[in-house]
Amino acid sequence: MPDKNLINEWLRQLYQDAIDEATSSIANERLWANGSDGDAREAHLANAENLEEYVRVLGTKLEEIPA
């Protein structure tokens, strides 16, 4: 029988790692946006916005995992 506690821990770690990576990517996109103009700036800001939503969704999923 599968160990649900272990599986939940793996899921928590998976989501947390993805959140950490995306958060770092958001900071990088904002730095690139600050050094860019025009379409490039807008592209970096759009990437940051998409990553922020990704982090929000992952955070929601993380909170849904039973302790």
Protein backbone atom coordinates (compact mmCIF):
# COMPACT_ATOMS: atom_id res chain seq x y z
CA MET A 1 0.00 0.00 0.00
CA PRO A 2 1.42 3.41 -0.95
CA ASP A 3 2.65 5.68 1.84
CA LYS A 4 0.37 8.72 1.38
CA ASN A 5 2.37 10.80 3.87
CA LEU A 6 5.54 10.24 1.87
CA ILE A 7 3.80 11.01 -1.42
CA ASN A 8 2.33 14.20 0.05
CA GLU A 9 5.79 15.24 1.24
CA TRP A 10 7.17 14.67 -2.25
CA LEU A 11 4.37 16.78 -3.70
CA ARG A 12 4.96 19.56 -1.18
CA GLN A 13 8.65 19.60 -2.06
CA LEU A 14 7.91 19.51 -5.80
CA TYR A 15 5.53 22.48 -5.56
CA GLN A 16 7.85 24.41 -3.27
CA ASP A 17 10.83 23.89 -5.58
CA ALA A 18 8.75 25.10 -8.54
CA ILE A 19 7.61 28.15 -6.55
CA ASP A 20 11.20 28.98 -5.60
CA GLU A 21 12.41 28.62 -9.18
CA ALA A 22 9.56 30.71 -10.61
CA THR A 23 10.09 33.41 -7.95
CA SER A 24 13.73 33.66 -8.99
CA SER A 25 12.69 33.84 -12.63
CA ILE A 26 10.28 36.69 -11.82
CA ALA A 27 13.14 38.69 -10.34
CA ASN A 28 15.25 38.03 -13.45
CA GLU A 29 12.44 39.05 -15.79
CA ARG A 30 12.00 42.31 -13.89
CA LEU A 31 15.72 43.03 -14.15
CA TRP A 32 15.63 42.41 -17.89
CA ALA A 33 12.53 44.59 -18.20
CA ASN A 34 14.30 47.43 -16.40
CA GLY A 35 17.15 47.24 -18.91
CA SER A 36 14.90 46.97 -21.95
CA ASP A 37 12.51 49.19 -23.82
CA GLY A 38 9.64 48.86 -26.22
CA ASP A 39 8.48 45.37 -27.16
CA ALA A 40 11.30 43.66 -25.28
CA ARG A 41 10.31 45.41 -22.05
CA GLU A 42 6.68 44.44 -22.53
CA ALA A 43 7.66 40.81 -23.22
CA HIS A 44 9.68 40.61 -20.01
CA LEU A 45 6.87 42.19 -18.00
CA ALA A 46 4.38 39.75 -19.53
CA ASN A 47 6.65 36.84 -18.61
CA ALA A 48 6.86 38.12 -15.04
CA GLU A 49 3.08 38.43 -14.87
CA ASN A 50 2.60 34.88 -16.16
CA LEU A 51 5.12 33.55 -13.67
CA GLU A 52 3.35 35.39 -10.84
CA GLU A 53 0.11 33.64 -11.75
CA TYR A 54 1.96 30.32 -11.92
CA VAL A 55 3.32 30.91 -8.40
CA ARG A 56 -0.17 31.81 -7.18
CA VAL A 57 -1.65 28.60 -8.61
CA LEU A 58 1.18 26.48 -7.25
CA GLY A 59 0.74 28.07 -3.83
CA THR A 60 -2.95 27.19 -3.88
CA LYS A 61 -2.16 23.61 -4.85
CA LEU A 62 0.50 23.44 -2.13
CA GLU A 63 -2.03 24.52 0.51
CA GLU A 64 -4.43 21.78 -0.65
CA ILE A 65 -2.00 18.96 0.15
CA PRO A 66 -2.99 17.28 3.44
CA ALA A 67 -0.47 17.67 6.25
